[in-house]
């Protein structure tokens, strides 16, 4: 597919590519150069105050919790007193 550079360095991404990658107006694309190629990659940005969730450590802990839930290793309490007692408080 061919496209041309217009005024203000704008290009049109062919509709077939837009549909194939399920891109929408307002989506963010990362632009990089690899050798003599311009690479456009769709990206999702994460608000800074939520970035902790995607750290390697946090994701590791999330996987452990999901495993515990799947294997019924989660306790529940019928009251706060029962919870405090189980916690040794």
PDB file of N, CA and C in Angstrom:
ATOM      1  N   UNK A   1       0.838  -1.177   0.000  1.00  0.00           N
ATOM      2  CA  UNK A   1       0.000   0.000   0.000  1.00  0.00           C
ATOM      3  C   UNK A   1       0.880   1.236   0.000  1.00  0.00           C
ATOM      4  N   UNK A   2       0.444   2.221  -0.684  1.00  0.00           N
ATOM      5  CA  UNK A   2       1.194   3.466  -0.754  1.00  0.00           C
ATOM      6  C   UNK A   2       0.372   4.607  -0.172  1.00  0.00           C
ATOM      7  N   UNK A   3       1.043   5.547   0.434  1.00  0.00           N
ATOM      8  CA  UNK A   3       0.430   6.777   0.912  1.00  0.00           C
ATOM      9  C   UNK A   3       1.450   7.876   0.710  1.00  0.00           C
ATOM     10  N   UNK A   4       1.019   9.105   0.696  1.00  0.00           N
ATOM     11  CA  UNK A   4       1.978  10.185   0.487  1.00  0.00           C
ATOM     12  C   UNK A   4       1.971  11.157   1.659  1.00  0.00           C
ATOM     13  N   UNK A   5       3.105  11.812   1.818  1.00  0.00           N
ATOM     14  CA  UNK A   5       3.227  12.809   2.877  1.00  0.00           C
ATOM     15  C   UNK A   5       2.565  14.094   2.378  1.00  0.00           C
ATOM     16  N   UNK A   6       1.642  14.615   3.188  1.00  0.00           N
ATOM     17  CA  UNK A   6       0.930  15.843   2.841  1.00  0.00           C
ATOM     18  C   UNK A   6       1.516  17.007   3.634  1.00  0.00           C
ATOM     19  N   UNK A   7       0.853  18.130   3.538  1.00  0.00           N
ATOM     20  CA  UNK A   7       1.329  19.310   4.280  1.00  0.00           C
ATOM     21  C   UNK A   7       1.367  18.996   5.773  1.00  0.00           C
ATOM     22  N   UNK A   8       2.245  19.675   6.468  1.00  0.00           N
ATOM     23  CA  UNK A   8       2.431  19.487   7.912  1.00  0.00           C
ATOM     24  C   UNK A   8       2.857  18.056   8.247  1.00  0.00           C
ATOM     25  N   UNK A   9       3.503  17.368   7.303  1.00  0.00           N
ATOM     26  CA  UNK A   9       4.051  16.013   7.496  1.00  0.00           C
ATOM     27  C   UNK A   9       2.990  14.967   7.814  1.00  0.00           C
ATOM     28  N   UNK A  10       1.760  15.173   7.376  1.00  0.00           N
ATOM     29  CA  UNK A  10       0.683  14.233   7.675  1.00  0.00           C
ATOM     30  C   UNK A  10       0.613  13.139   6.618  1.00  0.00           C
ATOM     31  N   UNK A  11       0.208  11.934   7.078  1.00  0.00           N
ATOM     32  CA  UNK A  11      -0.052  10.816   6.167  1.00  0.00           C
ATOM     33  C   UNK A  11      -1.404  10.221   6.524  1.00  0.00           C
ATOM     34  N   UNK A  12      -1.969   9.474   5.603  1.00  0.00           N
ATOM     35  CA  UNK A  12      -3.209   8.749   5.863  1.00  0.00           C
ATOM     36  C   UNK A  12      -2.866   7.272   5.945  1.00  0.00           C
ATOM     37  N   UNK A  13      -3.292   6.639   7.028  1.00  0.00           N
ATOM     38  CA  UNK A  13      -3.109   5.188   7.164  1.00  0.00           C
ATOM     39  C   UNK A  13      -4.275   4.526   6.430  1.00  0.00           C
ATOM     40  N   UNK A  14      -4.006   3.625   5.504  1.00  0.00           N
ATOM     41  CA  UNK A  14      -5.090   2.989   4.744  1.00  0.00           C
ATOM     42  C   UNK A  14      -6.131   2.339   5.655  1.00  0.00           C
ATOM     43  N   UNK A  15      -7.390   2.440   5.247  1.00  0.00           N
ATOM     44  CA  UNK A  15      -8.502   1.942   6.065  1.00  0.00           C
ATOM     45  C   UNK A  15      -8.388   0.447   6.358  1.00  0.00           C
ATOM     46  N   UNK A  16      -7.785  -0.326   5.444  1.00  0.00           N
ATOM     47  CA  UNK A  16      -7.631  -1.766   5.690  1.00  0.00           C
ATOM     48  C   UNK A  16      -6.768  -2.014   6.926  1.00  0.00           C
ATOM     49  N   UNK A  17      -5.738  -1.196   7.087  1.00  0.00           N
ATOM     50  CA  UNK A  17      -4.851  -1.336   8.253  1.00  0.00           C
ATOM     51  C   UNK A  17      -5.571  -0.870   9.512  1.00  0.00           C
ATOM     52  N   UNK A  18      -6.299   0.218   9.408  1.00  0.00           N
ATOM     53  CA  UNK A  18      -7.065   0.728  10.552  1.00  0.00           C
ATOM     54  C   UNK A  18      -8.026  -0.347  11.054  1.00  0.00           C
ATOM     55  N   UNK A  19      -8.734  -0.991  10.134  1.00  0.00           N
ATOM     56  CA  UNK A  19      -9.693  -2.042  10.513  1.00  0.00           C
ATOM     57  C   UNK A  19      -8.978  -3.262  11.080  1.00  0.00           C
ATOM     58  N   UNK A  20      -7.895  -3.686  10.425  1.00  0.00           N
ATOM     59  CA  UNK A  20      -7.174  -4.886  10.868  1.00  0.00           C
ATOM     60  C   UNK A  20      -6.637  -4.736  12.288  1.00  0.00           C
ATOM     61  N   UNK A  21      -6.151  -3.529  12.625  1.00  0.00           N
ATOM     62  CA  UNK A  21      -5.583  -3.294  13.958  1.00  0.00           C
ATOM     63  C   UNK A  21      -6.598  -2.706  14.938  1.00  0.00           C
ATOM     64  N   UNK A  22      -7.852  -2.578  14.488  1.00  0.00           N
ATOM     65  CA  UNK A  22      -8.935  -2.050  15.323  1.00  0.00           C
ATOM     66  C   UNK A  22      -8.562  -0.690  15.926  1.00  0.00           C
ATOM     67  N   UNK A  23      -8.005   0.182  15.103  1.00  0.00           N
ATOM     68  CA  UNK A  23      -7.619   1.512  15.561  1.00  0.00           C
ATOM     69  C   UNK A  23      -8.817   2.450  15.503  1.00  0.00           C
ATOM     70  N   UNK A  24      -8.852   3.387  16.426  1.00  0.00           N
ATOM     71  CA  UNK A  24      -9.947   4.357  16.518  1.00  0.00           C
ATOM     72  C   UNK A  24      -9.373   5.762  16.603  1.00  0.00           C
ATOM     73  N   UNK A  25     -10.194   6.738  16.284  1.00  0.00           N
ATOM     74  CA  UNK A  25      -9.802   8.137  16.412  1.00  0.00           C
ATOM     75  C   UNK A  25      -9.364   8.391  17.851  1.00  0.00           C
ATOM     76  N   UNK A  26      -8.227   9.034  18.020  1.00  0.00           N
ATOM     77  CA  UNK A  26      -7.712   9.327  19.354  1.00  0.00           C
ATOM     78  C   UNK A  26      -6.723   8.295  19.877  1.00  0.00           C
ATOM     79  N   UNK A  27      -6.597   7.130  19.216  1.00  0.00           N
ATOM     80  CA  UNK A  27      -5.606   6.134  19.643  1.00  0.00           C
ATOM     81  C   UNK A  27      -4.202   6.725  19.509  1.00  0.00           C
ATOM     82  N   UNK A  28      -3.280   6.234  20.308  1.00  0.00           N
ATOM     83  CA  UNK A  28      -1.905   6.714  20.303  1.00  0.00           C
ATOM     84  C   UNK A  28      -1.018   5.732  19.551  1.00  0.00           C
ATOM     85  N   UNK A  29      -0.136   6.277  18.722  1.00  0.00           N
ATOM     86  CA  UNK A  29       0.827   5.469  17.979  1.00  0.00           C
ATOM     87  C   UNK A  29       2.234   5.899  18.360  1.00  0.00           C
ATOM     88  N   UNK A  30       3.107   4.923  18.591  1.00  0.00           N
ATOM     89  CA  UNK A  30       4.523   5.194  18.804  1.00  0.00           C
ATOM     90  C   UNK A  30       5.185   5.224  17.425  1.00  0.00           C
ATOM     91  N   UNK A  31       5.999   6.228  17.188  1.00  0.00           N
ATOM     92  CA  UNK A  31       6.706   6.358  15.918  1.00  0.00           C
ATOM     93  C   UNK A  31       8.192   6.154  16.182  1.00  0.00           C
ATOM     94  N   UNK A  32       8.825   5.235  15.448  1.00  0.00           N
ATOM     95  CA  UNK A  32      10.258   5.009  15.611  1.00  0.00           C
ATOM     96  C   UNK A  32      10.871   4.728  14.240  1.00  0.00           C
ATOM     97  N   UNK A  33      12.185   4.763  14.199  1.00  0.00           N
ATOM     98  CA  UNK A  33      12.912   4.476  12.976  1.00  0.00           C
ATOM     99  C   UNK A  33      13.789   3.260  13.225  1.00  0.00           C
ATOM    100  N   UNK A  34      13.689   2.272  12.356  1.00  0.00           N
ATOM    101  CA  UNK A  34      14.529   1.084  12.417  1.00  0.00           C
ATOM    102  C   UNK A  34      15.204   0.943  11.055  1.00  0.00           C
ATOM    103  N   UNK A  35      16.497   1.237  11.035  1.00  0.00           N
ATOM    104  CA  UNK A  35      17.212   1.244   9.753  1.00  0.00           C
ATOM    105  C   UNK A  35      16.661   2.349   8.876  1.00  0.00           C
ATOM    106  N   UNK A  36      16.125   1.969   7.713  1.00  0.00           N
ATOM    107  CA  UNK A  36      15.530   2.960   6.819  1.00  0.00           C
ATOM    108  C   UNK A  36      14.002   2.874   6.810  1.00  0.00           C
ATOM    109  N   UNK A  37      13.424   2.297   7.879  1.00  0.00           N
ATOM    110  CA  UNK A  37      11.973   2.129   7.963  1.00  0.00           C
ATOM    111  C   UNK A  37      11.385   2.993   9.070  1.00  0.00           C
ATOM    112  N   UNK A  38      10.209   3.536   8.820  1.00  0.00           N
ATOM    113  CA  UNK A  38       9.431   4.242   9.841  1.00  0.00           C
ATOM    114  C   UNK A  38       8.444   3.223  10.394  1.00  0.00           C
ATOM    115  N   UNK A  39       8.472   3.007  11.683  1.00  0.00           N
ATOM    116  CA  UNK A  39       7.610   2.019  12.327  1.00  0.00           C
ATOM    117  C   UNK A  39       6.542   2.744  13.149  1.00  0.00           C
ATOM    118  N   UNK A  40       5.284   2.401  12.925  1.00  0.00           N
ATOM    119  CA  UNK A  40       4.163   2.921  13.722  1.00  0.00           C
ATOM    120  C   UNK A  40       3.604   1.766  14.541  1.00  0.00           C
ATOM    121  N   UNK A  41       3.563   1.921  15.857  1.00  0.00           N
ATOM    122  CA  UNK A  41       3.027   0.873  16.730  1.00  0.00           C
ATOM    123  C   UNK A  41       1.925   1.445  17.605  1.00  0.00           C
ATOM    124  N   UNK A  42       0.743   0.799  17.624  1.00  0.00           N
ATOM    125  CA  UNK A  42      -0.304   1.255  18.547  1.00  0.00           C
ATOM    126  C   UNK A  42       0.149   0.996  19.985  1.00  0.00           C
ATOM    127  N   UNK A  43      -0.085   1.968  20.854  1.00  0.00           N
ATOM    128  CA  UNK A  43       0.259   1.812  22.264  1.00  0.00           C
ATOM    129  C   UNK A  43      -0.893   2.291  23.132  1.00  0.00           C
ATOM    130  N   UNK A  44      -0.924   1.773  24.334  1.00  0.00           N
ATOM    131  CA  UNK A  44      -1.876   2.232  25.340  1.00  0.00           C
ATOM    132  C   UNK A  44      -1.063   2.923  26.418  1.00  0.00           C
ATOM    133  N   UNK A  45      -1.412   4.145  26.710  1.00  0.00           N
ATOM    134  CA  UNK A  45      -0.694   4.859  27.755  1.00  0.00           C
ATOM    135  C   UNK A  45      -1.381   4.633  29.089  1.00  0.00           C
ATOM    136  N   UNK A  46      -0.581   4.605  30.137  1.00  0.00           N
ATOM    137  CA  UNK A  46      -1.081   4.352  31.484  1.00  0.00           C
ATOM    138  C   UNK A  46      -0.866   5.611  32.306  1.00  0.00           C
ATOM    139  N   UNK A  47      -1.901   6.079  32.998  1.00  0.00           N
ATOM    140  CA  UNK A  47      -1.707   7.244  33.868  1.00  0.00           C
ATOM    141  C   UNK A  47      -0.601   6.961  34.885  1.00  0.00           C
ATOM    142  N   UNK A  48       0.210   7.980  35.165  1.00  0.00           N
ATOM    143  CA  UNK A  48       1.362   7.819  36.049  1.00  0.00           C
ATOM    144  C   UNK A  48       0.977   7.250  37.414  1.00  0.00           C
ATOM    145  N   UNK A  49      -0.179   7.667  37.939  1.00  0.00           N
ATOM    146  CA  UNK A  49      -0.576   7.183  39.265  1.00  0.00           C
ATOM    147  C   UNK A  49      -1.029   5.726  39.265  1.00  0.00           C
ATOM    148  N   UNK A  50      -1.097   5.100  38.082  1.00  0.00           N
ATOM    149  CA  UNK A  50      -1.463   3.678  37.994  1.00  0.00           C
ATOM    150  C   UNK A  50      -0.317   2.813  37.468  1.00  0.00           C
ATOM    151  N   UNK A  51       0.819   3.429  37.193  1.00  0.00           N
ATOM    152  CA  UNK A  51       1.945   2.709  36.605  1.00  0.00           C
ATOM    153  C   UNK A  51       2.485   1.606  37.525  1.00  0.00           C
ATOM    154  N   UNK A  52       2.372   1.794  38.844  1.00  0.00           N
ATOM    155  CA  UNK A  52       2.868   0.789  39.799  1.00  0.00           C
ATOM    156  C   UNK A  52       2.280  -0.587  39.513  1.00  0.00           C
ATOM    157  N   UNK A  53       1.001  -0.610  39.078  1.00  0.00           N
ATOM    158  CA  UNK A  53       0.300  -1.871  38.865  1.00  0.00           C
ATOM    159  C   UNK A  53       0.990  -2.724  37.807  1.00  0.00           C
ATOM    160  N   UNK A  54       1.674  -2.093  36.870  1.00  0.00           N
ATOM    161  CA  UNK A  54       2.278  -2.819  35.764  1.00  0.00           C
ATOM    162  C   UNK A  54       3.755  -3.127  35.982  1.00  0.00           C
ATOM    163  N   UNK A  55       4.258  -2.877  37.197  1.00  0.00           N
ATOM    164  CA  UNK A  55       5.639  -3.249  37.482  1.00  0.00           C
ATOM    165  C   UNK A  55       5.750  -4.764  37.557  1.00  0.00           C
ATOM    166  N   UNK A  56       6.940  -5.267  37.320  1.00  0.00           N
ATOM    167  CA  UNK A  56       7.181  -6.710  37.347  1.00  0.00           C
ATOM    168  C   UNK A  56       6.800  -7.299  38.711  1.00  0.00           C
ATOM    169  N   UNK A  57       7.175  -6.596  39.791  1.00  0.00           N
ATOM    170  CA  UNK A  57       6.895  -7.094  41.148  1.00  0.00           C
ATOM    171  C   UNK A  57       5.390  -7.179  41.406  1.00  0.00           C
ATOM    172  N   UNK A  58       4.666  -6.116  41.039  1.00  0.00           N
ATOM    173  CA  UNK A  58       3.228  -6.099  41.299  1.00  0.00           C
ATOM    174  C   UNK A  58       2.527  -7.193  40.490  1.00  0.00           C
ATOM    175  N   UNK A  59       2.904  -7.351  39.246  1.00  0.00           N
ATOM    176  CA  UNK A  59       2.292  -8.377  38.414  1.00  0.00           C
ATOM    177  C   UNK A  59       2.582  -9.776  38.948  1.00  0.00           C
ATOM    178  N   UNK A  60       3.778  -9.977  39.512  1.00  0.00           N
ATOM    179  CA  UNK A  60       4.120 -11.266  40.124  1.00  0.00           C
ATOM    180  C   UNK A  60       3.160 -11.550  41.284  1.00  0.00           C
ATOM    181  N   UNK A  61       2.960 -10.550  42.138  1.00  0.00           N
ATOM    182  CA  UNK A  61       2.046 -10.718  43.280  1.00  0.00           C
ATOM    183  C   UNK A  61       0.611 -10.958  42.808  1.00  0.00           C
ATOM    184  N   UNK A  62       0.196 -10.264  41.752  1.00  0.00           N
ATOM    185  CA  UNK A  62      -1.153 -10.470  41.198  1.00  0.00           C
ATOM    186  C   UNK A  62      -1.338 -11.923  40.758  1.00  0.00           C
ATOM    187  N   UNK A  63      -0.322 -12.496  40.115  1.00  0.00           N
ATOM    188  CA  UNK A  63      -0.392 -13.887  39.669  1.00  0.00           C
ATOM    189  C   UNK A  63      -0.509 -14.834  40.852  1.00  0.00           C
ATOM    190  N   UNK A  64       0.219 -14.542  41.931  1.00  0.00           N
ATOM    191  CA  UNK A  64       0.128 -15.381  43.129  1.00  0.00           C
ATOM    192  C   UNK A  64      -1.275 -15.334  43.723  1.00  0.00           C
ATOM    193  N   UNK A  65      -1.840 -14.153  43.809  1.00  0.00           N
ATOM    194  CA  UNK A  65      -3.196 -14.010  44.360  1.00  0.00           C
ATOM    195  C   UNK A  65      -4.202 -14.735  43.475  1.00  0.00           C
ATOM    196  N   UNK A  66      -4.084 -14.564  42.147  1.00  0.00           N
ATOM    197  CA  UNK A  66      -5.002 -15.251  41.244  1.00  0.00           C
ATOM    198  C   UNK A  66      -4.897 -16.766  41.387  1.00  0.00           C
ATOM    199  N   UNK A  67      -3.690 -17.259  41.618  1.00  0.00           N
ATOM    200  CA  UNK A  67      -3.497 -18.685  41.839  1.00  0.00           C
ATOM    201  C   UNK A  67      -4.178 -19.125  43.133  1.00  0.00           C
ATOM    202  N   UNK A  68      -4.021 -18.330  44.185  1.00  0.00           N
ATOM    203  CA  UNK A  68      -4.680 -18.644  45.456  1.00  0.00           C
ATOM    204  C   UNK A  68      -6.201 -18.669  45.302  1.00  0.00           C
ATOM    205  N   UNK A  69      -6.740 -17.714  44.566  1.00  0.00           N
ATOM    206  CA  UNK A  69      -8.190 -17.670  44.345  1.00  0.00           C
ATOM    207  C   UNK A  69      -8.622 -18.916  43.581  1.00  0.00           C
ATOM    208  N   UNK A  70      -7.892 -19.254  42.527  1.00  0.00           N
ATOM    209  CA  UNK A  70      -8.232 -20.421  41.705  1.00  0.00           C
ATOM    210  C   UNK A  70      -8.187 -21.712  42.520  1.00  0.00           C
ATOM    211  N   UNK A  71      -7.250 -21.800  43.456  1.00  0.00           N
ATOM    212  CA  UNK A  71      -7.070 -23.017  44.257  1.00  0.00           C
ATOM    213  C   UNK A  71      -7.774 -22.958  45.612  1.00  0.00           C
ATOM    214  N   UNK A  72      -8.726 -22.047  45.746  1.00  0.00           N
ATOM    215  CA  UNK A  72      -9.530 -21.907  46.977  1.00  0.00           C
ATOM    216  C   UNK A  72      -8.680 -21.761  48.231  1.00  0.00           C
ATOM    217  N   UNK A  73      -7.610 -20.987  48.147  1.00  0.00           N
ATOM    218  CA  UNK A  73      -6.754 -20.753  49.305  1.00  0.00           C
ATOM    219  C   UNK A  73      -7.059 -19.413  49.967  1.00  0.00           C
ATOM    220  N   UNK A  74      -8.220 -18.858  49.679  1.00  0.00           N
ATOM    221  CA  UNK A  74      -8.611 -17.565  50.223  1.00  0.00           C
ATOM    222  C   UNK A  74      -9.574 -17.796  51.380  1.00  0.00           C
ATOM    223  N   UNK A  75      -9.308 -17.107  52.499  1.00  0.00           N
ATOM    224  CA  UNK A  75     -10.195 -17.202  53.650  1.00  0.00           C
ATOM    225  C   UNK A  75     -11.189 -16.054  53.609  1.00  0.00           C
ATOM    226  N   UNK A  76     -12.338 -16.266  54.225  1.00  0.00           N
ATOM    227  CA  UNK A  76     -13.312 -15.191  54.360  1.00  0.00           C
ATOM    228  C   UNK A  76     -13.804 -15.154  55.795  1.00  0.00           C
ATOM    229  N   UNK A  77     -14.296 -14.018  56.170  1.00  0.00           N
ATOM    230  CA  UNK A  77     -14.806 -13.840  57.531  1.00  0.00           C
ATOM    231  C   UNK A  77     -16.250 -13.367  57.458  1.00  0.00           C
ATOM    232  N   UNK A  78     -17.057 -13.822  58.409  1.00  0.00           N
ATOM    233  CA  UNK A  78     -18.464 -13.431  58.431  1.00  0.00           C
ATOM    234  C   UNK A  78     -18.678 -12.125  59.179  1.00  0.00           C
ATOM    235  N   UNK A  79     -17.668 -11.696  59.917  1.00  0.00           N
ATOM    236  CA  UNK A  79     -17.771 -10.438  60.656  1.00  0.00           C
ATOM    237  C   UNK A  79     -16.376  -9.862  60.837  1.00  0.00           C
ATOM    238  N   UNK A  80     -16.316  -8.600  61.204  1.00  0.00           N
ATOM    239  CA  UNK A  80     -15.004  -7.995  61.437  1.00  0.00           C
ATOM    240  C   UNK A  80     -14.330  -8.621  62.648  1.00  0.00           C
ATOM    241  N   UNK A  81     -15.125  -9.030  63.642  1.00  0.00           N
ATOM    242  CA  UNK A  81     -14.533  -9.682  64.810  1.00  0.00           C
ATOM    243  C   UNK A  81     -13.861 -10.998  64.418  1.00  0.00           C
ATOM    244  N   UNK A  82     -14.529 -11.759  63.557  1.00  0.00           N
ATOM    245  CA  UNK A  82     -13.947 -13.018  63.070  1.00  0.00           C
ATOM    246  C   UNK A  82     -12.669 -12.733  62.279  1.00  0.00           C
ATOM    247  N   UNK A  83     -12.676 -11.684  61.500  1.00  0.00           N
ATOM    248  CA  UNK A  83     -11.505 -11.299  60.728  1.00  0.00           C
ATOM    249  C   UNK A  83     -10.349 -10.924  61.664  1.00  0.00           C
ATOM    250  N   UNK A  84     -10.649 -10.074  62.643  1.00  0.00           N
ATOM    251  CA  UNK A  84      -9.612  -9.656  63.596  1.00  0.00           C
ATOM    252  C   UNK A  84      -9.048 -10.854  64.357  1.00  0.00           C
ATOM    253  N   UNK A  85      -9.917 -11.769  64.723  1.00  0.00           N
ATOM    254  CA  UNK A  85      -9.465 -12.959  65.453  1.00  0.00           C
ATOM    255  C   UNK A  85      -8.535 -13.794  64.571  1.00  0.00           C
ATOM    256  N   UNK A  86      -8.896 -13.966  63.303  1.00  0.00           N
ATOM    257  CA  UNK A  86      -8.073 -14.745  62.382  1.00  0.00           C
ATOM    258  C   UNK A  86      -6.710 -14.068  62.160  1.00  0.00           C
ATOM    259  N   UNK A  87      -6.707 -12.731  62.185  1.00  0.00           N
ATOM    260  CA  UNK A  87      -5.465 -11.976  62.020  1.00  0.00           C
ATOM    261  C   UNK A  87      -4.648 -11.902  63.308  1.00  0.00           C
ATOM    262  N   UNK A  88      -5.222 -12.380  64.397  1.00  0.00           N
ATOM    263  CA  UNK A  88      -4.533 -12.355  65.681  1.00  0.00           C
ATOM    264  C   UNK A  88      -4.545 -10.992  66.333  1.00  0.00           C
ATOM    265  N   UNK A  89      -5.551 -10.186  66.022  1.00  0.00           N
ATOM    266  CA  UNK A  89      -5.657  -8.848  66.608  1.00  0.00           C
ATOM    267  C   UNK A  89      -6.626  -8.803  67.771  1.00  0.00           C
TER     268      UNK A  89
END
